[in-house]
N, C-alpha and C. Protein backbone atom coordinates (compact mmCIF):
# COMPACT_ATOMS: atom_id res chain seq x y z
N SER A 1 6.44 2.56 -8.95
CA SER A 1 5.89 2.24 -7.65
C SER A 1 5.29 0.85 -7.70
N VAL A 2 5.46 0.11 -6.67
CA VAL A 2 4.96 -1.26 -6.63
C VAL A 2 4.15 -1.46 -5.37
N PHE A 3 2.91 -1.85 -5.55
CA PHE A 3 2.10 -2.29 -4.42
C PHE A 3 2.52 -3.71 -4.12
N ALA A 4 2.64 -4.09 -2.89
CA ALA A 4 3.01 -5.48 -2.62
C ALA A 4 2.51 -5.91 -1.25
N LEU A 5 2.17 -7.16 -1.16
CA LEU A 5 1.90 -7.79 0.12
C LEU A 5 3.06 -8.74 0.33
N GLY A 6 3.76 -8.58 1.39
CA GLY A 6 4.90 -9.44 1.65
C GLY A 6 6.18 -8.64 1.68
N TRP A 7 7.27 -9.29 1.48
CA TRP A 7 8.58 -8.67 1.49
C TRP A 7 9.52 -9.57 0.71
N PRO A 8 10.69 -9.09 0.34
CA PRO A 8 11.59 -9.88 -0.52
C PRO A 8 11.96 -11.24 0.04
N ARG A 9 11.99 -11.38 1.34
CA ARG A 9 12.40 -12.65 1.94
C ARG A 9 11.21 -13.45 2.47
N ALA A 10 10.09 -13.36 1.80
CA ALA A 10 8.88 -14.06 2.27
C ALA A 10 9.09 -15.56 2.36
N ALA A 11 9.75 -16.16 1.39
CA ALA A 11 9.97 -17.61 1.40
C ALA A 11 10.81 -18.02 2.61
N THR A 12 11.83 -17.26 2.91
CA THR A 12 12.68 -17.55 4.07
C THR A 12 11.87 -17.42 5.36
N PHE A 13 11.10 -16.36 5.46
CA PHE A 13 10.26 -16.14 6.64
C PHE A 13 9.25 -17.27 6.79
N ASN A 14 8.60 -17.65 5.69
CA ASN A 14 7.62 -18.73 5.74
C ASN A 14 8.25 -20.02 6.22
N ALA A 15 9.41 -20.37 5.70
CA ALA A 15 10.08 -21.61 6.09
C ALA A 15 10.45 -21.60 7.57
N ALA A 16 10.89 -20.47 8.06
CA ALA A 16 11.31 -20.37 9.46
C ALA A 16 10.14 -20.34 10.44
N ASN A 17 8.98 -19.91 9.96
CA ASN A 17 7.84 -19.69 10.87
C ASN A 17 6.61 -20.52 10.57
N GLY A 18 6.68 -21.38 9.58
CA GLY A 18 5.52 -22.22 9.25
C GLY A 18 4.34 -21.43 8.73
N THR A 19 4.61 -20.31 8.07
CA THR A 19 3.54 -19.47 7.53
C THR A 19 3.49 -19.61 6.02
N HIS A 20 2.51 -18.95 5.40
CA HIS A 20 2.33 -19.04 3.96
C HIS A 20 2.04 -17.68 3.34
N PHE A 21 2.82 -16.68 3.74
CA PHE A 21 2.65 -15.36 3.13
C PHE A 21 3.13 -15.40 1.69
N THR A 22 2.45 -14.64 0.83
CA THR A 22 2.85 -14.56 -0.57
C THR A 22 3.01 -13.09 -0.95
N LEU A 23 3.69 -12.88 -2.05
CA LEU A 23 3.94 -11.55 -2.56
C LEU A 23 3.13 -11.34 -3.82
N ARG A 24 2.37 -10.25 -3.86
CA ARG A 24 1.66 -9.85 -5.08
C ARG A 24 2.13 -8.47 -5.43
N GLN A 25 2.35 -8.22 -6.68
CA GLN A 25 2.86 -6.93 -7.11
C GLN A 25 1.98 -6.30 -8.18
N ALA A 26 2.02 -4.98 -8.22
CA ALA A 26 1.35 -4.21 -9.27
C ALA A 26 2.19 -2.99 -9.53
N ASP A 27 2.70 -2.85 -10.72
CA ASP A 27 3.53 -1.70 -11.07
C ASP A 27 2.63 -0.56 -11.54
N THR A 28 2.57 0.49 -10.76
CA THR A 28 1.71 1.62 -11.08
C THR A 28 2.45 2.70 -11.86
N GLN A 29 3.74 2.58 -11.99
CA GLN A 29 4.57 3.55 -12.73
C GLN A 29 4.35 4.98 -12.24
N LEU A 30 4.05 5.11 -10.96
CA LEU A 30 3.79 6.41 -10.32
C LEU A 30 2.63 7.18 -10.95
N ALA A 31 1.72 6.46 -11.59
CA ALA A 31 0.57 7.08 -12.25
C ALA A 31 -0.69 6.88 -11.40
N PRO A 32 -1.34 7.97 -10.99
CA PRO A 32 -2.54 7.85 -10.14
C PRO A 32 -3.62 6.94 -10.72
N LYS A 33 -3.89 7.00 -12.02
CA LYS A 33 -4.93 6.13 -12.60
C LYS A 33 -4.56 4.67 -12.47
N ARG A 34 -3.30 4.35 -12.68
CA ARG A 34 -2.84 2.97 -12.51
C ARG A 34 -2.93 2.55 -11.04
N ALA A 35 -2.66 3.49 -10.15
CA ALA A 35 -2.75 3.21 -8.71
C ALA A 35 -4.17 2.85 -8.31
N VAL A 36 -5.14 3.55 -8.86
CA VAL A 36 -6.54 3.26 -8.55
C VAL A 36 -6.91 1.87 -9.08
N ARG A 37 -6.46 1.53 -10.28
CA ARG A 37 -6.74 0.19 -10.83
C ARG A 37 -6.12 -0.89 -9.95
N ALA A 38 -4.86 -0.69 -9.56
CA ALA A 38 -4.18 -1.67 -8.70
C ALA A 38 -4.88 -1.76 -7.35
N ALA A 39 -5.23 -0.63 -6.78
CA ALA A 39 -5.91 -0.62 -5.49
C ALA A 39 -7.26 -1.33 -5.57
N SER A 40 -7.98 -1.13 -6.64
CA SER A 40 -9.28 -1.79 -6.81
C SER A 40 -9.12 -3.31 -6.92
N THR A 41 -8.11 -3.74 -7.65
CA THR A 41 -7.83 -5.17 -7.77
C THR A 41 -7.46 -5.75 -6.42
N PHE A 42 -6.58 -5.07 -5.71
CA PHE A 42 -6.16 -5.57 -4.40
C PHE A 42 -7.31 -5.53 -3.40
N ALA A 43 -8.09 -4.49 -3.41
CA ALA A 43 -9.20 -4.36 -2.46
C ALA A 43 -10.25 -5.44 -2.67
N ALA A 44 -10.40 -5.91 -3.90
CA ALA A 44 -11.38 -6.95 -4.19
C ALA A 44 -10.92 -8.33 -3.74
N ASP A 45 -9.64 -8.48 -3.46
CA ASP A 45 -9.09 -9.77 -3.04
C ASP A 45 -9.10 -9.85 -1.52
N ARG A 46 -10.07 -10.55 -0.97
CA ARG A 46 -10.25 -10.63 0.48
C ARG A 46 -9.16 -11.44 1.17
N SER A 47 -8.29 -12.10 0.40
CA SER A 47 -7.20 -12.86 1.02
C SER A 47 -6.02 -11.96 1.38
N LEU A 48 -5.99 -10.73 0.85
CA LEU A 48 -4.91 -9.81 1.17
C LEU A 48 -5.08 -9.24 2.57
N LEU A 49 -3.98 -9.19 3.29
CA LEU A 49 -4.00 -8.65 4.65
C LEU A 49 -3.63 -7.18 4.69
N ALA A 50 -2.74 -6.76 3.78
CA ALA A 50 -2.24 -5.39 3.77
C ALA A 50 -1.46 -5.16 2.49
N THR A 51 -1.09 -3.91 2.27
CA THR A 51 -0.23 -3.57 1.14
C THR A 51 0.95 -2.75 1.63
N ILE A 52 1.99 -2.77 0.84
CA ILE A 52 3.12 -1.87 1.04
C ILE A 52 3.10 -0.96 -0.19
N GLY A 53 2.78 0.29 0.01
CA GLY A 53 2.64 1.20 -1.11
C GLY A 53 1.20 1.63 -1.23
N PRO A 54 0.95 2.51 -2.14
CA PRO A 54 1.79 2.97 -3.23
C PRO A 54 2.88 3.92 -2.75
N ALA A 55 3.77 4.26 -3.67
CA ALA A 55 4.95 5.05 -3.31
C ALA A 55 4.70 6.55 -3.31
N GLY A 56 4.07 7.07 -4.33
CA GLY A 56 3.92 8.51 -4.49
C GLY A 56 2.70 9.08 -3.81
N SER A 57 2.82 10.30 -3.33
CA SER A 57 1.69 10.96 -2.68
C SER A 57 0.49 11.09 -3.60
N GLN A 58 0.72 11.36 -4.89
CA GLN A 58 -0.39 11.48 -5.84
C GLN A 58 -1.12 10.15 -5.98
N GLU A 59 -0.37 9.07 -5.94
CA GLU A 59 -0.99 7.74 -6.03
C GLU A 59 -1.82 7.45 -4.78
N VAL A 60 -1.28 7.80 -3.63
CA VAL A 60 -1.99 7.56 -2.38
C VAL A 60 -3.29 8.35 -2.35
N THR A 61 -3.21 9.61 -2.77
CA THR A 61 -4.42 10.44 -2.81
C THR A 61 -5.46 9.82 -3.74
N ALA A 62 -5.02 9.29 -4.86
CA ALA A 62 -5.95 8.69 -5.82
C ALA A 62 -6.52 7.37 -5.31
N ALA A 63 -5.70 6.55 -4.66
CA ALA A 63 -6.13 5.21 -4.24
C ALA A 63 -6.68 5.18 -2.82
N GLY A 64 -6.53 6.25 -2.09
CA GLY A 64 -6.90 6.27 -0.67
C GLY A 64 -8.32 5.86 -0.37
N LYS A 65 -9.26 6.36 -1.14
CA LYS A 65 -10.67 6.03 -0.88
C LYS A 65 -10.95 4.55 -1.12
N VAL A 66 -10.28 3.98 -2.11
CA VAL A 66 -10.47 2.55 -2.41
C VAL A 66 -10.03 1.71 -1.22
N PHE A 67 -8.83 2.00 -0.70
CA PHE A 67 -8.33 1.24 0.44
C PHE A 67 -9.15 1.49 1.69
N THR A 68 -9.59 2.71 1.90
CA THR A 68 -10.40 3.03 3.07
C THR A 68 -11.72 2.27 3.05
N ARG A 69 -12.40 2.28 1.89
CA ARG A 69 -13.67 1.54 1.78
C ARG A 69 -13.48 0.05 2.04
N ALA A 70 -12.36 -0.49 1.56
CA ALA A 70 -12.09 -1.93 1.72
C ALA A 70 -11.49 -2.25 3.09
N ARG A 71 -11.16 -1.21 3.85
CA ARG A 71 -10.50 -1.37 5.15
C ARG A 71 -9.19 -2.15 5.01
N LEU A 72 -8.48 -1.87 3.92
CA LEU A 72 -7.22 -2.55 3.63
C LEU A 72 -6.06 -1.66 4.07
N PRO A 73 -5.30 -2.10 5.06
CA PRO A 73 -4.16 -1.30 5.52
C PRO A 73 -3.09 -1.15 4.43
N ALA A 74 -2.45 0.00 4.41
CA ALA A 74 -1.37 0.27 3.47
C ALA A 74 -0.24 0.97 4.21
N LEU A 75 0.94 0.42 4.10
CA LEU A 75 2.13 1.01 4.68
C LEU A 75 2.84 1.81 3.60
N LEU A 76 3.08 3.09 3.87
CA LEU A 76 3.69 3.97 2.89
C LEU A 76 5.14 4.23 3.27
N SER A 77 6.02 4.05 2.30
CA SER A 77 7.44 4.24 2.59
C SER A 77 8.01 5.53 2.01
N SER A 78 7.25 6.23 1.20
CA SER A 78 7.82 7.45 0.62
C SER A 78 6.81 8.56 0.33
N ALA A 79 5.54 8.37 0.58
CA ALA A 79 4.54 9.41 0.33
C ALA A 79 4.60 10.44 1.45
N THR A 80 4.90 11.68 1.12
CA THR A 80 5.15 12.70 2.14
C THR A 80 4.19 13.89 2.12
N SER A 81 3.24 13.92 1.23
CA SER A 81 2.35 15.08 1.08
C SER A 81 1.60 15.40 2.37
N LEU A 82 1.44 16.70 2.62
CA LEU A 82 0.66 17.15 3.79
C LEU A 82 -0.80 16.73 3.70
N VAL A 83 -1.29 16.51 2.49
CA VAL A 83 -2.68 16.10 2.29
C VAL A 83 -2.97 14.78 3.00
N LEU A 84 -1.94 13.97 3.21
CA LEU A 84 -2.14 12.64 3.76
C LEU A 84 -2.22 12.62 5.28
N ARG A 85 -1.98 13.74 5.92
CA ARG A 85 -2.04 13.76 7.38
C ARG A 85 -3.47 14.03 7.85
N GLY A 86 -3.72 13.84 9.10
CA GLY A 86 -5.00 14.20 9.68
C GLY A 86 -6.10 13.18 9.51
N GLY A 87 -5.78 11.98 9.10
CA GLY A 87 -6.78 10.93 9.05
C GLY A 87 -7.67 10.89 7.83
N ALA A 88 -7.29 11.58 6.77
CA ALA A 88 -8.10 11.54 5.55
C ALA A 88 -8.22 10.11 5.02
N TYR A 89 -7.17 9.32 5.21
CA TYR A 89 -7.15 7.92 4.77
C TYR A 89 -6.75 7.07 5.97
N PRO A 90 -7.72 6.67 6.79
CA PRO A 90 -7.40 6.02 8.06
C PRO A 90 -6.71 4.67 7.96
N THR A 91 -6.70 4.03 6.82
CA THR A 91 -6.01 2.75 6.72
C THR A 91 -4.55 2.89 6.31
N PHE A 92 -4.10 4.12 6.08
CA PHE A 92 -2.72 4.36 5.68
C PHE A 92 -1.84 4.70 6.87
N SER A 93 -0.63 4.18 6.86
CA SER A 93 0.40 4.54 7.83
C SER A 93 1.67 4.78 7.05
N ARG A 94 2.36 5.83 7.38
CA ARG A 94 3.63 6.06 6.69
C ARG A 94 4.79 6.00 7.66
N VAL A 95 5.92 5.61 7.13
CA VAL A 95 7.12 5.44 7.96
C VAL A 95 8.13 6.55 7.67
N VAL A 96 7.69 7.58 6.99
CA VAL A 96 8.54 8.74 6.70
C VAL A 96 7.81 10.00 7.17
N GLY A 97 8.55 11.06 7.35
CA GLY A 97 7.94 12.32 7.75
C GLY A 97 7.17 12.95 6.61
N SER A 98 6.46 14.00 6.93
CA SER A 98 5.72 14.74 5.89
C SER A 98 6.63 15.79 5.28
N ASP A 99 6.09 16.52 4.32
CA ASP A 99 6.85 17.57 3.65
C ASP A 99 7.18 18.75 4.58
N THR A 100 6.63 18.79 5.79
CA THR A 100 6.92 19.87 6.72
C THR A 100 8.24 19.66 7.42
N VAL A 101 8.78 18.46 7.37
CA VAL A 101 10.03 18.14 8.08
C VAL A 101 11.22 18.70 7.34
C-alpha cells in the first residue's frame, strides 16, 4: 500500500496548469503499524493537502485517528470494511463500495 499526494502524471499536470503539486510516497506494506507511522509523518507535514490511501481497511482503521486529528483528507481506493462507514473517520472518502455490496 502506498500513501501518496499527487498522481502519476503530476509533472504533466503541473506544466499544463502552472501548478506545483508533488508526489510523496510511503510504503506501508499493508501493515497497520507502518500505516500509523506513515500517517503520523504525513499529518505532521502542513504542506500536504491530502493523501491517496492507505489501501487496506486494517490500515485505515489504524491510521484513521491520526488523519482525523490532523484534518487531513484521505481518498481510499480499496478499503471496503463496514467499520469505515458511518463517519468514524470524517476525513476519509472512498471510491469503492463497502463489503455489503
